[in-house]
């Protein structure tokens, strides 16, 4: 008679791992789809940059604060109190990134903003080399050079179309988000959700003096969806799903956002980013996806 104790755990473990992977992949994909609505929501609202930033930050911060309170109970206060200077630095960088994200979406094509965002991990690799002494593989160097080439091609199209300011702001967004990535690796004890919530509060405070406190009900509803759905819900889905799958797989799945975000705006508003912007963006995407696949294969 076969000993069931020696066979069942193997099958059950494999089934459990497969179920966890599927759940993690679906959660991360859901987050990427929610994130991809940013450009569409910005195009649909009639509010200015500061009003959009203020209300989006308020709704998102309230949602995240509630999520932290439900998840951690009495420990929620400790999450914020224990941020310290490293957590404050991450919050400031995140606030900068979010502010530039909103401005960039208004001032240039959605595709351009998302490509700068997709290139942020390469900027993080360079910063990690400077700050943390992390070695960059030859594959990483090749991917960084390819992404840089793609960005140059993309920006050349913006020069011709008069969208240079939007691209510059988007570049600051990518750099500040790269700082968030590096600092989160450097200070692994920082409660990242609390730091991001604080960053949203800071972004809201920056926009406060310039914001309109009486947007139309329609715009306010869209801004609530922007803050709660596109930011808050997406972040909770991502943080729940990413521990269940390899980091490389999570990175690949989030590329869905880069593909879908310009597509929604093109379908709804016929926004054409331009041929060179599309070619440059394709080069960056190929660099990101190719580098991720090669790193995954190596690991």
Protein backbone atom coordinates (compact mmCIF):
# COMPACT_ATOMS: atom_id res chain seq x y z
CA UNK A 1 0.00 0.00 0.00
CA UNK A 2 1.41 3.44 -0.98
CA UNK A 3 2.15 5.78 1.91
CA UNK A 4 -0.14 8.75 1.33
CA UNK A 5 1.95 11.01 3.52
CA UNK A 6 4.85 10.82 1.07
CA UNK A 7 2.83 11.62 -2.06
CA UNK A 8 0.06 14.02 -1.16
CA UNK A 9 2.24 16.89 0.04
CA UNK A 10 4.08 16.97 -3.29
CA UNK A 11 0.90 17.26 -5.30
CA UNK A 12 -0.79 19.58 -2.86
CA UNK A 13 2.28 21.82 -2.68
CA UNK A 14 2.45 22.05 -6.48
CA UNK A 15 -1.27 22.81 -6.69
CA UNK A 16 -1.00 25.40 -3.96
CA UNK A 17 2.01 27.03 -5.64
CA UNK A 18 0.17 27.10 -8.96
CA UNK A 19 -2.93 28.62 -7.38
CA UNK A 20 -0.83 31.24 -5.59
CA UNK A 21 0.98 32.13 -8.80
CA UNK A 22 -2.30 32.52 -10.71
CA UNK A 23 -3.78 34.63 -7.92
CA UNK A 24 -0.65 36.79 -7.76
CA UNK A 25 -0.52 37.24 -11.53
CA UNK A 26 -4.20 38.22 -11.66
CA UNK A 27 -3.81 40.71 -8.82
CA UNK A 28 -0.78 42.36 -10.45
CA UNK A 29 -2.54 42.39 -13.83
CA UNK A 30 -5.57 44.02 -12.19
CA UNK A 31 -3.31 46.69 -10.72
CA UNK A 32 -1.69 47.34 -14.12
CA UNK A 33 -5.09 47.66 -15.83
CA UNK A 34 -6.26 50.10 -13.14
CA UNK A 35 -3.04 52.12 -13.46
CA UNK A 36 -3.50 52.29 -17.24
CA UNK A 37 -6.61 54.47 -16.80
CA UNK A 38 -4.58 57.51 -15.64
CA UNK A 39 -4.23 59.23 -19.01
CA UNK A 40 -7.86 58.60 -19.89
CA UNK A 41 -9.10 60.07 -16.59
CA UNK A 42 -6.88 63.15 -16.97
CA UNK A 43 -8.18 63.74 -20.49
CA UNK A 44 -11.79 63.34 -19.31
CA UNK A 45 -11.57 65.94 -16.51
CA UNK A 46 -11.78 69.67 -17.14
CA UNK A 47 -9.80 70.61 -14.01
CA UNK A 48 -6.33 72.17 -14.12
CA UNK A 49 -3.15 70.38 -13.05
CA UNK A 50 -3.16 71.57 -9.42
CA UNK A 51 -6.84 70.83 -8.87
CA UNK A 52 -6.41 67.36 -10.34
CA UNK A 53 -3.34 66.73 -8.19
CA UNK A 54 -5.02 68.01 -5.02
CA UNK A 55 -8.22 65.97 -5.24
CA UNK A 56 -6.53 62.85 -6.54
CA UNK A 57 -4.01 63.00 -3.68
CA UNK A 58 -6.76 63.56 -1.11
CA UNK A 59 -8.89 60.63 -2.25
CA UNK A 60 -5.90 58.31 -2.62
CA UNK A 61 -4.41 59.27 0.77
CA UNK A 62 -7.73 58.73 2.56
CA UNK A 63 -8.13 55.34 0.90
CA UNK A 64 -4.61 54.22 1.77
CA UNK A 65 -4.94 55.48 5.35
CA UNK A 66 -8.13 53.45 5.72
CA UNK A 67 -6.46 50.41 4.18
CA UNK A 68 -3.51 50.67 6.58
CA UNK A 69 -5.88 51.06 9.55
CA UNK A 70 -7.88 47.95 8.54
CA UNK A 71 -4.75 45.89 7.83
CA UNK A 72 -2.68 46.83 10.86
CA UNK A 73 -5.23 47.95 13.45
CA UNK A 74 -3.51 49.61 16.38
CA UNK A 75 -0.17 49.24 14.63
CA UNK A 76 -1.22 51.75 11.95
CA UNK A 77 0.00 54.71 13.99
CA UNK A 78 3.36 53.00 14.53
CA UNK A 79 3.71 52.55 10.76
CA UNK A 80 3.62 56.30 10.27
CA UNK A 81 5.54 57.18 13.44
CA UNK A 82 8.35 54.81 12.51
CA UNK A 83 9.00 56.24 9.06
CA UNK A 84 11.85 58.49 10.26
CA UNK A 85 14.05 60.44 7.87
CA UNK A 86 14.36 57.56 5.34
CA UNK A 87 10.58 57.26 5.14
CA UNK A 88 10.24 61.02 4.80
CA UNK A 89 12.80 61.01 1.97
CA UNK A 90 10.85 58.28 0.15
CA UNK A 91 7.61 60.24 0.69
CA UNK A 92 9.14 63.44 -0.76
CA UNK A 93 10.47 61.56 -3.82
CA UNK A 94 7.10 59.86 -4.30
CA UNK A 95 5.26 63.20 -3.99
CA UNK A 96 7.59 64.69 -6.60
CA UNK A 97 6.96 61.77 -8.92
CA UNK A 98 3.18 61.99 -8.54
CA UNK A 99 3.19 65.77 -9.10
CA UNK A 100 5.27 65.46 -12.26
CA UNK A 101 3.09 62.55 -13.41
CA UNK A 102 -0.05 64.69 -13.40
CA UNK A 103 1.66 67.65 -15.07
CA UNK A 104 3.31 65.40 -17.65
CA UNK A 105 0.00 63.82 -18.63
CA UNK A 106 -1.34 67.31 -19.43
CA UNK A 107 1.72 68.62 -21.25
CA UNK A 108 2.74 65.71 -23.48
CA UNK A 109 1.39 62.50 -25.00
CA UNK A 110 0.32 59.78 -22.57
CA UNK A 111 2.61 57.34 -24.36
CA UNK A 112 5.64 59.53 -23.62
CA UNK A 113 4.85 59.74 -19.90
CA UNK A 114 4.46 55.99 -19.61
CA UNK A 115 7.73 55.32 -21.47
CA UNK A 116 9.64 57.54 -19.03
CA UNK A 117 7.95 55.63 -16.23
CA UNK A 118 8.91 52.29 -17.78
CA UNK A 119 12.54 53.44 -17.99
CA UNK A 120 12.65 54.26 -14.24
CA UNK A 121 14.14 50.86 -13.26
CA UNK A 122 17.13 51.58 -15.50
CA UNK A 123 17.64 54.94 -13.81
CA UNK A 124 17.34 53.09 -10.49
CA UNK A 125 20.08 50.69 -11.62
CA UNK A 126 22.42 53.62 -12.31
CA UNK A 127 21.57 55.29 -8.99
CA UNK A 128 22.04 51.97 -7.20
CA UNK A 129 25.50 51.71 -8.74
CA UNK A 130 26.40 55.20 -7.46
CA UNK A 131 24.74 55.04 -4.05
CA UNK A 132 24.79 51.39 -3.06
CA UNK A 133 27.69 50.01 -5.09
CA UNK A 134 25.39 47.54 -6.86
CA UNK A 135 27.00 45.99 -9.91
CA UNK A 136 25.30 46.41 -13.29
CA UNK A 137 25.58 43.40 -15.58
CA UNK A 138 26.54 43.75 -19.22
CA UNK A 139 22.89 42.97 -20.06
CA UNK A 140 21.84 45.87 -17.86
CA UNK A 141 24.30 48.24 -19.55
CA UNK A 142 23.06 47.19 -23.00
CA UNK A 143 19.43 47.67 -21.95
CA UNK A 144 20.19 51.10 -20.46
CA UNK A 145 21.90 52.25 -23.67
CA UNK A 146 19.01 50.95 -25.77
CA UNK A 147 16.46 52.71 -23.56
CA UNK A 148 18.47 55.93 -23.77
CA UNK A 149 18.46 55.68 -27.57
CA UNK A 150 14.69 55.15 -27.56
CA UNK A 151 14.14 58.15 -25.30
CA UNK A 152 16.29 60.36 -27.57
CA UNK A 153 14.20 59.32 -30.58
CA UNK A 154 10.98 59.92 -28.64
CA UNK A 155 12.05 63.35 -27.37
CA UNK A 156 13.11 64.41 -30.88
CA UNK A 157 9.47 64.00 -31.88
CA UNK A 158 8.38 66.12 -28.91
CA UNK A 159 10.79 68.87 -29.98
CA UNK A 160 9.08 68.98 -33.36
CA UNK A 161 5.61 68.93 -31.76
CA UNK A 162 6.40 71.52 -29.08
CA UNK A 163 5.99 69.11 -26.16
CA UNK A 164 9.50 69.39 -24.70
CA UNK A 165 8.28 70.73 -21.34
CA UNK A 166 6.02 67.73 -20.87
CA UNK A 167 8.86 65.34 -21.63
CA UNK A 168 11.22 67.15 -19.25
CA UNK A 169 8.65 66.96 -16.46
CA UNK A 170 8.10 63.28 -17.25
CA UNK A 171 11.86 62.71 -17.05
CA UNK A 172 11.86 64.24 -13.54
CA UNK A 173 8.97 61.91 -12.72
CA UNK A 174 11.00 58.88 -13.81
CA UNK A 175 14.10 59.98 -11.90
CA UNK A 176 12.19 60.69 -8.68
CA UNK A 177 10.41 57.33 -8.93
CA UNK A 178 13.79 55.67 -9.44
CA UNK A 179 14.89 57.31 -6.18
CA UNK A 180 11.86 55.72 -4.50
CA UNK A 181 12.96 52.32 -5.81
CA UNK A 182 16.57 52.69 -4.65
CA UNK A 183 15.68 54.12 -1.24
CA UNK A 184 13.13 51.36 -0.63
CA UNK A 185 15.90 48.82 -1.26
CA UNK A 186 18.31 50.75 0.91
CA UNK A 187 15.85 51.04 3.81
CA UNK A 188 13.90 47.79 3.73
CA UNK A 189 12.45 48.39 7.19
CA UNK A 190 10.41 51.40 6.01
CA UNK A 191 6.66 50.76 5.75
CA UNK A 192 6.24 51.55 2.06
CA UNK A 193 2.46 51.91 2.02
CA UNK A 194 2.65 54.42 4.87
CA UNK A 195 5.47 56.29 3.10
CA UNK A 196 3.40 56.47 -0.10
CA UNK A 197 0.38 57.68 1.86
CA UNK A 198 2.52 60.42 3.39
CA UNK A 199 3.83 61.27 -0.09
CA UNK A 200 0.28 61.75 -1.32
CA UNK A 201 -0.44 64.05 1.62
CA UNK A 202 2.65 66.10 0.73
CA UNK A 203 1.59 66.29 -2.93
CA UNK A 204 -1.85 67.47 -1.84
CA UNK A 205 -0.33 70.15 0.37
CA UNK A 206 1.82 71.42 -2.50
CA UNK A 207 -1.26 71.70 -4.73
CA UNK A 208 -3.48 73.15 -1.98
CA UNK A 209 -2.81 76.89 -2.58
CA UNK A 210 -3.56 76.58 -6.30
CA UNK A 211 -6.47 74.12 -6.30
CA UNK A 212 -10.12 74.75 -7.07
CA UNK A 213 -12.23 73.55 -4.12
CA UNK A 214 -15.48 73.50 -6.08
CA UNK A 215 -15.04 71.34 -9.20
CA UNK A 216 -18.17 70.19 -10.99
CA UNK A 217 -19.83 67.03 -9.60
CA UNK A 218 -18.81 65.15 -12.73
CA UNK A 219 -15.16 66.16 -12.39
CA UNK A 220 -15.19 65.40 -8.66
CA UNK A 221 -16.52 61.92 -9.38
CA UNK A 222 -13.77 61.32 -11.95
CA UNK A 223 -11.14 62.61 -9.52
CA UNK A 224 -12.48 60.28 -6.81
CA UNK A 225 -12.17 57.39 -9.28
CA UNK A 226 -8.67 58.62 -10.14
CA UNK A 227 -7.55 58.64 -6.51
CA UNK A 228 -9.41 55.62 -5.14
CA UNK A 229 -9.56 53.30 -8.13
CA UNK A 230 -6.54 54.17 -10.26
CA UNK A 231 -4.22 54.76 -7.29
CA UNK A 232 -5.56 53.28 -4.05
CA UNK A 233 -7.17 50.04 -5.24
CA UNK A 234 -4.40 49.41 -7.77
CA UNK A 235 -1.73 49.78 -5.09
CA UNK A 236 -3.49 47.37 -2.74
CA UNK A 237 -3.88 44.83 -5.57
CA UNK A 238 -0.21 45.16 -6.44
CA UNK A 239 1.06 44.84 -2.85
CA UNK A 240 -1.16 41.77 -2.36
CA UNK A 241 -0.09 40.09 -5.59
CA UNK A 242 3.62 40.83 -5.92
CA UNK A 243 4.75 38.59 -2.99
CA UNK A 244 3.10 35.59 -4.69
CA UNK A 245 5.08 35.71 -7.95
CA UNK A 246 8.72 36.29 -8.95
CA UNK A 247 9.73 39.94 -9.21
CA UNK A 248 10.65 39.54 -12.89
CA UNK A 249 7.18 38.22 -13.69
CA UNK A 250 5.58 41.11 -11.80
CA UNK A 251 7.70 43.55 -13.80
CA UNK A 252 6.61 41.99 -17.08
CA UNK A 253 2.93 41.98 -16.15
CA UNK A 254 3.01 45.66 -15.21
CA UNK A 255 4.13 46.43 -18.77
CA UNK A 256 0.44 45.96 -19.58
CA UNK A 257 -0.03 49.49 -18.24
CA UNK A 258 2.46 50.94 -20.73
CA UNK A 259 0.63 49.29 -23.63
CA UNK A 260 -2.96 49.94 -22.53
CA UNK A 261 -2.69 53.56 -21.30
CA UNK A 262 -1.98 55.10 -24.75
CA UNK A 263 -4.50 52.71 -26.30
CA UNK A 264 -7.39 53.98 -24.13
CA UNK A 265 -6.56 57.61 -24.99
CA UNK A 266 -6.23 56.79 -28.67
CA UNK A 267 -9.62 55.02 -28.70
CA UNK A 268 -11.40 57.77 -26.75
CA UNK A 269 -9.67 60.93 -28.03
CA UNK A 270 -7.72 59.82 -31.15
CA UNK A 271 -4.50 61.01 -29.51
CA UNK A 272 -1.57 60.27 -31.82
CA UNK A 273 1.81 60.49 -30.04
CA UNK A 274 3.68 60.67 -33.36
CA UNK A 275 5.69 58.17 -35.38
CA UNK A 276 9.07 58.85 -33.75
CA UNK A 277 7.50 58.74 -30.30
CA UNK A 278 6.04 55.32 -31.11
CA UNK A 279 9.35 54.06 -32.50
CA UNK A 280 11.31 55.38 -29.52
CA UNK A 281 8.75 53.96 -27.12
CA UNK A 282 8.95 50.57 -28.83
CA UNK A 283 12.75 50.56 -28.40
CA UNK A 284 12.39 51.31 -24.66
CA UNK A 285 9.72 48.63 -24.24
CA UNK A 286 11.86 46.04 -26.05
CA UNK A 287 14.80 46.99 -23.82
CA UNK A 288 12.74 46.65 -20.64
CA UNK A 289 11.04 43.38 -21.58
CA UNK A 290 14.20 41.85 -23.07
CA UNK A 291 16.28 42.74 -20.03
CA UNK A 292 13.64 41.31 -17.68
CA UNK A 293 13.42 38.05 -19.62
CA UNK A 294 17.20 37.66 -19.71
CA UNK A 295 17.51 38.35 -15.98
CA UNK A 296 14.72 35.88 -15.26
CA UNK A 297 16.44 33.23 -17.37
CA UNK A 298 19.77 33.86 -15.62
CA UNK A 299 18.16 33.59 -12.19
